Amino acid sequence: MPRSVNSVAKRNRRKKVLKQAKGYFGRRKNVWTVAKNAVDKGMQYSYRDRKTKKRNFRNLWIVRINAAARLHGMSYSEFMGKIKKHNIELNRKVLADLAMNHPDAFKAIVDKIKA
């Protein structure tokens, strides 16, 4: 009985990886073994950095809220503690946006929690 190989599936698998490697430099874009390694590593980085991105944005929001709160004579932790105590349910993303783009609205929030 002749040996059975599934060349169609093998070729499709390789084409898929080479398509993902489009835009890479040098042999990374067109040599199967090099492209496979580059795509695998790229996928690892993208998985890891989807988590890191969330961390980085949270840090950025905290820095912006802290800077805006200090303009009104409060620290970040003091500000967030009073926000929670007064049941103002705005998340850090919204508070940071208010601090950057709508300082009057942010000042209104600060006045409300100070009173």
N, C-alpha and C. Protein backbone atom coordinates (compact mmCIF):
# COMPACT_ATOMS: atom_id res chain seq x y z
N MET A 1 0.84 -1.19 0.00
CA MET A 1 0.00 0.00 0.00
C MET A 1 0.88 1.25 0.00
N PRO A 2 0.58 2.22 -0.86
CA PRO A 2 1.43 3.42 -0.92
C PRO A 2 1.29 4.28 0.34
N ARG A 3 2.36 5.01 0.58
CA ARG A 3 2.39 5.89 1.75
C ARG A 3 1.44 7.07 1.51
N SER A 4 0.66 7.39 2.53
CA SER A 4 -0.31 8.47 2.39
C SER A 4 0.19 9.72 3.12
N VAL A 5 0.30 10.80 2.39
CA VAL A 5 0.69 12.07 3.02
C VAL A 5 -0.37 13.11 2.68
N ASN A 6 -0.59 14.02 3.59
CA ASN A 6 -1.61 15.04 3.37
C ASN A 6 -0.94 16.36 2.99
N SER A 7 -0.50 16.42 1.73
CA SER A 7 0.23 17.60 1.26
C SER A 7 -0.63 18.85 1.24
N VAL A 8 -1.92 18.68 1.01
CA VAL A 8 -2.82 19.83 0.94
C VAL A 8 -2.86 20.56 2.29
N ALA A 9 -3.04 19.78 3.36
CA ALA A 9 -3.11 20.38 4.70
C ALA A 9 -1.77 21.00 5.08
N LYS A 10 -0.68 20.31 4.72
CA LYS A 10 0.67 20.80 5.04
C LYS A 10 0.92 22.14 4.34
N ARG A 11 0.57 22.21 3.05
CA ARG A 11 0.78 23.44 2.29
C ARG A 11 -0.07 24.58 2.84
N ASN A 12 -1.33 24.27 3.20
CA ASN A 12 -2.21 25.31 3.75
C ASN A 12 -1.69 25.83 5.08
N ARG A 13 -1.18 24.93 5.91
CA ARG A 13 -0.62 25.33 7.20
C ARG A 13 0.57 26.26 6.99
N ARG A 14 1.44 25.92 6.04
CA ARG A 14 2.62 26.74 5.76
C ARG A 14 2.23 28.09 5.15
N LYS A 15 1.24 28.05 4.26
CA LYS A 15 0.79 29.31 3.66
C LYS A 15 0.22 30.25 4.71
N LYS A 16 -0.49 29.67 5.69
CA LYS A 16 -1.09 30.48 6.75
C LYS A 16 0.00 31.18 7.57
N VAL A 17 1.05 30.44 7.90
CA VAL A 17 2.14 31.02 8.69
C VAL A 17 2.89 32.06 7.87
N LEU A 18 3.16 31.77 6.61
CA LEU A 18 3.88 32.74 5.77
C LEU A 18 3.05 34.00 5.55
N LYS A 19 1.74 33.85 5.51
CA LYS A 19 0.88 35.03 5.39
C LYS A 19 0.96 35.87 6.65
N GLN A 20 1.04 35.21 7.83
CA GLN A 20 1.17 35.95 9.09
C GLN A 20 2.52 36.66 9.17
N ALA A 21 3.55 36.12 8.47
CA ALA A 21 4.90 36.70 8.51
C ALA A 21 5.08 37.82 7.49
N LYS A 22 4.02 38.17 6.80
CA LYS A 22 4.09 39.23 5.79
C LYS A 22 4.52 40.53 6.45
N GLY A 23 5.50 41.19 5.87
CA GLY A 23 5.98 42.45 6.44
C GLY A 23 7.23 42.28 7.28
N TYR A 24 7.61 41.05 7.59
CA TYR A 24 8.85 40.83 8.34
C TYR A 24 10.03 41.07 7.42
N PHE A 25 11.22 41.25 7.99
CA PHE A 25 12.41 41.59 7.20
C PHE A 25 13.24 40.34 6.91
N GLY A 26 13.81 40.30 5.71
CA GLY A 26 14.75 39.24 5.35
C GLY A 26 14.09 37.88 5.24
N ARG A 27 14.81 36.85 5.70
CA ARG A 27 14.31 35.48 5.58
C ARG A 27 13.11 35.21 6.47
N ARG A 28 12.86 36.09 7.43
CA ARG A 28 11.73 35.89 8.34
C ARG A 28 10.40 35.89 7.59
N LYS A 29 10.36 36.48 6.41
CA LYS A 29 9.08 36.57 5.69
C LYS A 29 8.85 35.46 4.68
N ASN A 30 9.92 34.75 4.25
CA ASN A 30 9.69 33.79 3.17
C ASN A 30 10.35 32.43 3.34
N VAL A 31 11.13 32.21 4.39
CA VAL A 31 11.71 30.89 4.64
C VAL A 31 10.90 30.24 5.75
N TRP A 32 10.37 29.05 5.47
CA TRP A 32 9.39 28.42 6.36
C TRP A 32 9.89 28.30 7.80
N THR A 33 11.08 27.75 8.01
CA THR A 33 11.52 27.49 9.38
C THR A 33 11.75 28.80 10.14
N VAL A 34 12.33 29.77 9.48
CA VAL A 34 12.60 31.06 10.13
C VAL A 34 11.29 31.80 10.39
N ALA A 35 10.40 31.79 9.40
CA ALA A 35 9.11 32.47 9.53
C ALA A 35 8.27 31.85 10.64
N LYS A 36 8.30 30.53 10.74
CA LYS A 36 7.52 29.84 11.78
C LYS A 36 7.98 30.28 13.16
N ASN A 37 9.29 30.34 13.37
CA ASN A 37 9.83 30.77 14.66
C ASN A 37 9.48 32.23 14.94
N ALA A 38 9.58 33.07 13.92
CA ALA A 38 9.29 34.50 14.10
C ALA A 38 7.82 34.73 14.42
N VAL A 39 6.94 34.00 13.74
CA VAL A 39 5.50 34.15 13.99
C VAL A 39 5.15 33.63 15.38
N ASP A 40 5.73 32.49 15.78
CA ASP A 40 5.47 31.95 17.12
C ASP A 40 5.89 32.95 18.19
N LYS A 41 7.08 33.53 18.03
CA LYS A 41 7.58 34.49 19.01
C LYS A 41 6.70 35.75 19.01
N GLY A 42 6.28 36.16 17.83
CA GLY A 42 5.40 37.32 17.74
C GLY A 42 4.07 37.09 18.44
N MET A 43 3.55 35.88 18.33
CA MET A 43 2.29 35.54 19.01
C MET A 43 2.48 35.55 20.52
N GLN A 44 3.63 35.07 20.99
CA GLN A 44 3.92 35.10 22.43
C GLN A 44 3.95 36.55 22.94
N TYR A 45 4.61 37.40 22.18
CA TYR A 45 4.70 38.82 22.57
C TYR A 45 3.33 39.47 22.57
N SER A 46 2.51 39.17 21.57
CA SER A 46 1.20 39.82 21.49
C SER A 46 0.30 39.36 22.64
N TYR A 47 0.39 38.08 23.02
CA TYR A 47 -0.40 37.58 24.15
C TYR A 47 0.04 38.27 25.43
N ARG A 48 1.35 38.32 25.65
CA ARG A 48 1.88 38.94 26.87
C ARG A 48 1.53 40.43 26.92
N ASP A 49 1.66 41.11 25.80
CA ASP A 49 1.50 42.55 25.81
C ASP A 49 0.05 43.00 25.82
N ARG A 50 -0.89 42.11 25.52
CA ARG A 50 -2.29 42.47 25.73
C ARG A 50 -2.55 42.66 27.22
N LYS A 51 -1.87 41.89 28.06
CA LYS A 51 -2.00 42.06 29.51
C LYS A 51 -1.24 43.32 29.97
N THR A 52 -0.04 43.51 29.44
CA THR A 52 0.80 44.63 29.83
C THR A 52 0.15 45.96 29.47
N LYS A 53 -0.55 45.99 28.35
CA LYS A 53 -1.21 47.21 27.89
C LYS A 53 -2.22 47.70 28.92
N LYS A 54 -2.98 46.77 29.50
CA LYS A 54 -3.97 47.13 30.52
C LYS A 54 -3.28 47.75 31.74
N ARG A 55 -2.15 47.14 32.13
CA ARG A 55 -1.36 47.64 33.26
C ARG A 55 -0.85 49.05 32.99
N ASN A 56 -0.31 49.25 31.78
CA ASN A 56 0.27 50.55 31.43
C ASN A 56 -0.79 51.65 31.42
N PHE A 57 -1.97 51.34 30.88
CA PHE A 57 -3.02 52.35 30.85
C PHE A 57 -3.50 52.70 32.25
N ARG A 58 -3.63 51.71 33.12
CA ARG A 58 -4.05 51.98 34.49
C ARG A 58 -3.03 52.89 35.18
N ASN A 59 -1.73 52.62 34.97
CA ASN A 59 -0.69 53.48 35.54
C ASN A 59 -0.79 54.91 35.01
N LEU A 60 -1.05 55.04 33.72
CA LEU A 60 -1.19 56.37 33.11
C LEU A 60 -2.36 57.12 33.71
N TRP A 61 -3.50 56.44 33.87
CA TRP A 61 -4.68 57.09 34.46
C TRP A 61 -4.40 57.54 35.88
N ILE A 62 -3.70 56.71 36.66
CA ILE A 62 -3.40 57.06 38.04
C ILE A 62 -2.50 58.30 38.09
N VAL A 63 -1.50 58.36 37.21
CA VAL A 63 -0.60 59.52 37.16
C VAL A 63 -1.39 60.79 36.84
N ARG A 64 -2.30 60.70 35.88
CA ARG A 64 -3.08 61.88 35.49
C ARG A 64 -4.02 62.33 36.60
N ILE A 65 -4.68 61.38 37.26
CA ILE A 65 -5.59 61.73 38.35
C ILE A 65 -4.80 62.34 39.50
N ASN A 66 -3.64 61.78 39.80
CA ASN A 66 -2.80 62.28 40.88
C ASN A 66 -2.38 63.72 40.61
N ALA A 67 -1.95 64.00 39.38
CA ALA A 67 -1.52 65.35 39.02
C ALA A 67 -2.67 66.34 39.17
N ALA A 68 -3.86 65.95 38.70
CA ALA A 68 -5.02 66.84 38.79
C ALA A 68 -5.47 67.03 40.23
N ALA A 69 -5.42 65.96 41.03
CA ALA A 69 -5.84 66.05 42.43
C ALA A 69 -4.89 66.95 43.21
N ARG A 70 -3.60 66.87 42.92
CA ARG A 70 -2.62 67.69 43.63
C ARG A 70 -2.78 69.17 43.31
N LEU A 71 -3.31 69.48 42.12
CA LEU A 71 -3.61 70.90 41.80
C LEU A 71 -4.68 71.45 42.74
N HIS A 72 -5.51 70.56 43.27
CA HIS A 72 -6.58 70.96 44.18
C HIS A 72 -6.25 70.62 45.63
N GLY A 73 -4.97 70.34 45.92
CA GLY A 73 -4.52 70.15 47.28
C GLY A 73 -4.83 68.80 47.90
N MET A 74 -4.91 67.76 47.09
CA MET A 74 -5.15 66.41 47.61
C MET A 74 -4.16 65.45 46.97
N SER A 75 -3.87 64.37 47.69
CA SER A 75 -3.07 63.31 47.09
C SER A 75 -4.02 62.36 46.35
N TYR A 76 -3.44 61.46 45.56
CA TYR A 76 -4.25 60.50 44.81
C TYR A 76 -5.03 59.59 45.74
N SER A 77 -4.34 59.06 46.77
CA SER A 77 -5.00 58.10 47.65
C SER A 77 -6.12 58.77 48.45
N GLU A 78 -5.88 60.00 48.86
CA GLU A 78 -6.90 60.76 49.60
C GLU A 78 -8.12 61.00 48.69
N PHE A 79 -7.83 61.38 47.45
CA PHE A 79 -8.89 61.66 46.47
C PHE A 79 -9.74 60.41 46.21
N MET A 80 -9.06 59.28 45.95
CA MET A 80 -9.80 58.05 45.63
C MET A 80 -10.57 57.54 46.85
N GLY A 81 -10.01 57.72 48.04
CA GLY A 81 -10.71 57.32 49.25
C GLY A 81 -12.01 58.10 49.43
N LYS A 82 -11.95 59.40 49.18
CA LYS A 82 -13.15 60.24 49.32
C LYS A 82 -14.16 59.96 48.21
N ILE A 83 -13.66 59.65 47.02
CA ILE A 83 -14.56 59.27 45.91
C ILE A 83 -15.39 58.05 46.31
N LYS A 84 -14.71 57.05 46.85
CA LYS A 84 -15.41 55.81 47.26
C LYS A 84 -16.38 56.10 48.41
N LYS A 85 -15.96 56.95 49.36
CA LYS A 85 -16.78 57.24 50.53
C LYS A 85 -18.07 57.97 50.14
N HIS A 86 -17.99 58.82 49.11
CA HIS A 86 -19.16 59.59 48.66
C HIS A 86 -19.96 58.85 47.58
N ASN A 87 -19.62 57.59 47.34
CA ASN A 87 -20.33 56.74 46.36
C ASN A 87 -20.39 57.35 44.96
N ILE A 88 -19.30 57.98 44.55
CA ILE A 88 -19.20 58.48 43.17
C ILE A 88 -18.57 57.36 42.36
N GLU A 89 -19.36 56.75 41.49
CA GLU A 89 -18.90 55.57 40.78
C GLU A 89 -18.36 55.92 39.40
N LEU A 90 -17.23 56.59 39.39
CA LEU A 90 -16.52 56.88 38.15
C LEU A 90 -15.21 56.10 38.20
N ASN A 91 -14.92 55.40 37.12
CA ASN A 91 -13.67 54.63 37.12
C ASN A 91 -12.47 55.52 36.78
N ARG A 92 -11.28 54.98 36.89
CA ARG A 92 -10.06 55.75 36.70
C ARG A 92 -9.94 56.28 35.28
N LYS A 93 -10.43 55.52 34.32
CA LYS A 93 -10.36 55.96 32.92
C LYS A 93 -11.14 57.25 32.73
N VAL A 94 -12.35 57.30 33.26
CA VAL A 94 -13.21 58.48 33.12
C VAL A 94 -12.63 59.65 33.92
N LEU A 95 -12.17 59.38 35.14
CA LEU A 95 -11.60 60.44 35.96
C LEU A 95 -10.37 61.05 35.30
N ALA A 96 -9.52 60.21 34.70
CA ALA A 96 -8.33 60.71 34.02
C ALA A 96 -8.72 61.56 32.82
N ASP A 97 -9.76 61.14 32.09
CA ASP A 97 -10.22 61.92 30.94
C ASP A 97 -10.76 63.27 31.39
N LEU A 98 -11.52 63.28 32.47
CA LEU A 98 -12.03 64.54 33.02
C LEU A 98 -10.88 65.44 33.46
N ALA A 99 -9.89 64.85 34.11
CA ALA A 99 -8.75 65.63 34.59
C ALA A 99 -7.99 66.27 33.44
N MET A 100 -7.86 65.55 32.33
CA MET A 100 -7.09 66.07 31.18
C MET A 100 -7.90 67.04 30.34
N ASN A 101 -9.12 66.65 29.98
CA ASN A 101 -9.86 67.38 28.95
C ASN A 101 -10.97 68.28 29.48
N HIS A 102 -11.44 68.03 30.70
CA HIS A 102 -12.53 68.82 31.27
C HIS A 102 -12.20 69.19 32.71
N PRO A 103 -11.22 70.10 32.90
CA PRO A 103 -10.79 70.42 34.27
C PRO A 103 -11.89 71.03 35.14
N ASP A 104 -12.86 71.70 34.51
CA ASP A 104 -13.97 72.28 35.29
C ASP A 104 -14.83 71.17 35.91
N ALA A 105 -15.09 70.13 35.13
CA ALA A 105 -15.88 69.00 35.65
C ALA A 105 -15.11 68.29 36.76
N PHE A 106 -13.80 68.16 36.58
CA PHE A 106 -12.98 67.52 37.62
C PHE A 106 -13.00 68.36 38.90
N LYS A 107 -12.93 69.68 38.73
CA LYS A 107 -12.98 70.58 39.89
C LYS A 107 -14.32 70.45 40.62
N ALA A 108 -15.40 70.27 39.87
CA ALA A 108 -16.72 70.09 40.47
C ALA A 108 -16.75 68.82 41.33
N ILE A 109 -16.12 67.77 40.84
CA ILE A 109 -16.05 66.53 41.62
C ILE A 109 -15.25 66.75 42.90
N VAL A 110 -14.12 67.45 42.77
CA VAL A 110 -13.28 67.73 43.95
C VAL A 110 -14.05 68.56 44.97
N ASP A 111 -14.78 69.59 44.49
CA ASP A 111 -15.57 70.43 45.40
C ASP A 111 -16.64 69.61 46.10
N LYS A 112 -17.25 68.68 45.37
CA LYS A 112 -18.30 67.85 45.96
C LYS A 112 -17.76 66.95 47.08
N ILE A 113 -16.59 66.38 46.86
CA ILE A 113 -16.06 65.47 47.90
C ILE A 113 -15.40 66.24 49.05
N LYS A 114 -15.01 67.49 48.81
CA LYS A 114 -14.44 68.29 49.90
C LYS A 114 -15.52 68.80 50.84
N ALA A 115 -16.71 69.04 50.30
CA ALA A 115 -17.80 69.61 51.11
C ALA A 115 -18.40 68.61 52.08
